[in-house]
Amino acid sequence: MSLSPKAIYDWYRETLRNPKYRWWIVLGTLAYLISPIDLLPDVIPIAGQVDDVMLVTLLVAELSQIVLEFFQKRQQVQTSNSDTTSTDAAETVDVKAVSTDA
């Protein structure tokens, strides 16, 4: 496994999208942002904030994507449910029964 920025990004994204680990990644990210121990210390002007800003941006982007996908799936399910009920109603035929006994 390489430690390139792309590999780290892919790992972070895939782990965040896994519902089993999602809250651990969110809590870990928030702990990293609050912690005084950083990859680049915050006392270094500009460079110290770059890693924090990149991490927050990545977290917000991925969480917003997850939320959008959730609502799109929810809307599709609601739409398919309403289509199913409307198709069932459209396929129903009302017939007047007439007795053939004389």
C-alpha atoms as a PDB file:
ATOM      1  CA  MET A   1       0.000   0.000   0.000  1.00  0.00           C
ATOM      2  CA  SER A   2       1.409   3.354  -1.001  1.00  0.00           C
ATOM      3  CA  LEU A   3       0.977   6.487   1.063  1.00  0.00           C
ATOM      4  CA  SER A   4       0.299   8.826  -1.820  1.00  0.00           C
ATOM      5  CA  PRO A   5      -2.308  11.548  -1.304  1.00  0.00           C
ATOM      6  CA  LYS A   6      -4.594   9.764  -3.803  1.00  0.00           C
ATOM      7  CA  ALA A   7      -4.348   6.481  -1.883  1.00  0.00           C
ATOM      8  CA  ILE A   8      -5.099   8.219   1.425  1.00  0.00           C
ATOM      9  CA  TYR A   9      -8.025  10.076  -0.144  1.00  0.00           C
ATOM     10  CA  ASP A  10      -9.464   6.861  -1.600  1.00  0.00           C
ATOM     11  CA  TRP A  11      -9.085   5.030   1.717  1.00  0.00           C
ATOM     12  CA  TYR A  12     -10.745   7.904   3.630  1.00  0.00           C
ATOM     13  CA  ARG A  13     -13.605   8.115   1.147  1.00  0.00           C
ATOM     14  CA  GLU A  14     -14.288   4.373   1.024  1.00  0.00           C
ATOM     15  CA  THR A  15     -14.111   4.019   4.793  1.00  0.00           C
ATOM     16  CA  LEU A  16     -16.428   6.993   5.286  1.00  0.00           C
ATOM     17  CA  ARG A  17     -18.949   5.450   2.892  1.00  0.00           C
ATOM     18  CA  ASN A  18     -18.979   2.203   4.873  1.00  0.00           C
ATOM     19  CA  PRO A  19     -21.857   2.542   7.385  1.00  0.00           C
ATOM     20  CA  LYS A  20     -20.022   0.328   9.863  1.00  0.00           C
ATOM     21  CA  TYR A  21     -17.071   2.735  10.192  1.00  0.00           C
ATOM     22  CA  ARG A  22     -18.672   6.067   9.221  1.00  0.00           C
ATOM     23  CA  TRP A  23     -19.087   7.474  12.744  1.00  0.00           C
ATOM     24  CA  TRP A  24     -15.584   6.374  13.739  1.00  0.00           C
ATOM     25  CA  ILE A  25     -14.116   8.299  10.806  1.00  0.00           C
ATOM     26  CA  VAL A  26     -16.217  11.387  11.583  1.00  0.00           C
ATOM     27  CA  LEU A  27     -15.227  11.290  15.263  1.00  0.00           C
ATOM     28  CA  GLY A  28     -11.587  10.648  14.363  1.00  0.00           C
ATOM     29  CA  THR A  29     -11.593  13.590  11.963  1.00  0.00           C
ATOM     30  CA  LEU A  30     -13.098  15.899  14.575  1.00  0.00           C
ATOM     31  CA  ALA A  31     -10.588  14.671  17.172  1.00  0.00           C
ATOM     32  CA  TYR A  32      -7.730  15.362  14.742  1.00  0.00           C
ATOM     33  CA  LEU A  33      -9.023  18.882  14.117  1.00  0.00           C
ATOM     34  CA  ILE A  34      -9.298  19.620  17.847  1.00  0.00           C
ATOM     35  CA  SER A  35      -6.055  17.887  18.810  1.00  0.00           C
ATOM     36  CA  PRO A  36      -2.890  19.963  19.158  1.00  0.00           C
ATOM     37  CA  ILE A  37      -0.966  17.116  17.475  1.00  0.00           C
ATOM     38  CA  ASP A  38      -1.162  17.602  13.706  1.00  0.00           C
ATOM     39  CA  LEU A  39       0.653  16.488  10.597  1.00  0.00           C
ATOM     40  CA  LEU A  40       1.521  20.153  10.124  1.00  0.00           C
ATOM     41  CA  PRO A  41       1.318  22.109  13.409  1.00  0.00           C
ATOM     42  CA  ASP A  42      -1.113  25.024  13.380  1.00  0.00           C
ATOM     43  CA  VAL A  43       1.570  27.431  14.632  1.00  0.00           C
ATOM     44  CA  ILE A  44       3.177  27.345  11.157  1.00  0.00           C
ATOM     45  CA  PRO A  45       1.422  30.151   9.261  1.00  0.00           C
ATOM     46  CA  ILE A  46      -0.789  29.034   6.379  1.00  0.00           C
ATOM     47  CA  ALA A  47       0.806  25.572   6.024  1.00  0.00           C
ATOM     48  CA  GLY A  48      -0.482  24.615   9.472  1.00  0.00           C
ATOM     49  CA  GLN A  49      -4.063  25.316   8.490  1.00  0.00           C
ATOM     50  CA  VAL A  50      -3.868  23.696   5.049  1.00  0.00           C
ATOM     51  CA  ASP A  51      -4.148  20.115   6.309  1.00  0.00           C
ATOM     52  CA  ASP A  52      -7.063  21.047   8.583  1.00  0.00           C
ATOM     53  CA  VAL A  53      -8.906  22.877   5.802  1.00  0.00           C
ATOM     54  CA  MET A  54      -8.358  19.999   3.369  1.00  0.00           C
ATOM     55  CA  LEU A  55      -9.648  17.485   5.908  1.00  0.00           C
ATOM     56  CA  VAL A  56     -12.747  19.555   6.741  1.00  0.00           C
ATOM     57  CA  THR A  57     -13.439  20.076   3.032  1.00  0.00           C
ATOM     58  CA  LEU A  58     -13.141  16.365   2.333  1.00  0.00           C
ATOM     59  CA  LEU A  59     -15.350  15.461   5.290  1.00  0.00           C
ATOM     60  CA  VAL A  60     -18.089  17.949   4.370  1.00  0.00           C
ATOM     61  CA  ALA A  61     -17.987  16.978   0.681  1.00  0.00           C
ATOM     62  CA  GLU A  62     -18.263  13.267   1.381  1.00  0.00           C
ATOM     63  CA  LEU A  63     -20.965  13.627   4.041  1.00  0.00           C
ATOM     64  CA  SER A  64     -23.021  15.889   1.783  1.00  0.00           C
ATOM     65  CA  GLN A  65     -22.676  13.334  -1.037  1.00  0.00           C
ATOM     66  CA  ILE A  66     -23.840  10.551   1.292  1.00  0.00           C
ATOM     67  CA  VAL A  67     -26.841  12.644   2.384  1.00  0.00           C
ATOM     68  CA  LEU A  68     -27.752  13.486  -1.236  1.00  0.00           C
ATOM     69  CA  GLU A  69     -27.578   9.821  -2.246  1.00  0.00           C
ATOM     70  CA  PHE A  70     -29.759   8.878   0.738  1.00  0.00           C
ATOM     71  CA  PHE A  71     -32.457  11.380  -0.222  1.00  0.00           C
ATOM     72  CA  GLN A  72     -32.309  10.384  -3.901  1.00  0.00           C
ATOM     73  CA  LYS A  73     -32.778   6.713  -3.012  1.00  0.00           C
ATOM     74  CA  ARG A  74     -35.585   7.627  -0.634  1.00  0.00           C
ATOM     75  CA  GLN A  75     -37.313   9.655  -3.346  1.00  0.00           C
ATOM     76  CA  GLN A  76     -36.911   6.799  -5.848  1.00  0.00           C
ATOM     77  CA  VAL A  77     -38.463   4.356  -3.383  1.00  0.00           C
ATOM     78  CA  GLN A  78     -41.372   6.708  -2.737  1.00  0.00           C
ATOM     79  CA  THR A  79     -41.824   7.262  -6.473  1.00  0.00           C
ATOM     80  CA  SER A  80     -41.736   3.540  -7.231  1.00  0.00           C
ATOM     81  CA  ASN A  81     -44.222   2.869  -4.421  1.00  0.00           C
ATOM     82  CA  SER A  82     -46.617   5.506  -5.720  1.00  0.00           C
ATOM     83  CA  ASP A  83     -46.197   4.182  -9.286  1.00  0.00           C
ATOM     84  CA  THR A  84     -47.009   0.681  -8.079  1.00  0.00           C
ATOM     85  CA  THR A  85     -50.188   1.796  -6.338  1.00  0.00           C
ATOM     86  CA  SER A  86     -51.296   3.929  -9.285  1.00  0.00           C
ATOM     87  CA  THR A  87     -50.590   1.105 -11.767  1.00  0.00           C
ATOM     88  CA  ASP A  88     -52.576  -1.326  -9.632  1.00  0.00           C
ATOM     89  CA  ALA A  89     -55.483   1.096  -9.621  1.00  0.00           C
ATOM     90  CA  ALA A  90     -55.209   1.598 -13.395  1.00  0.00           C
ATOM     91  CA  GLU A  91     -55.228  -2.164 -14.042  1.00  0.00           C
ATOM     92  CA  THR A  92     -58.318  -2.788 -11.931  1.00  0.00           C
ATOM     93  CA  VAL A  93     -61.474  -3.201 -13.991  1.00  0.00           C
ATOM     94  CA  ASP A  94     -64.910  -2.658 -12.472  1.00  0.00           C
ATOM     95  CA  VAL A  95     -67.563  -4.941 -13.925  1.00  0.00           C
ATOM     96  CA  LYS A  96     -71.292  -4.953 -13.265  1.00  0.00           C
ATOM     97  CA  ALA A  97     -72.408  -8.466 -12.619  1.00  0.00           C
ATOM     98  CA  VAL A  98     -75.634  -9.490 -14.286  1.00  0.00           C
ATOM     99  CA  SER A  99     -77.440 -12.658 -13.373  1.00  0.00           C
ATOM    100  CA  THR A 100     -78.086 -15.033 -16.242  1.00  0.00           C
ATOM    101  CA  ASP A 101     -80.811 -16.983 -14.395  1.00  0.00           C
ATOM    102  CA  ALA A 102     -84.222 -16.279 -15.815  1.00  0.00           C
END
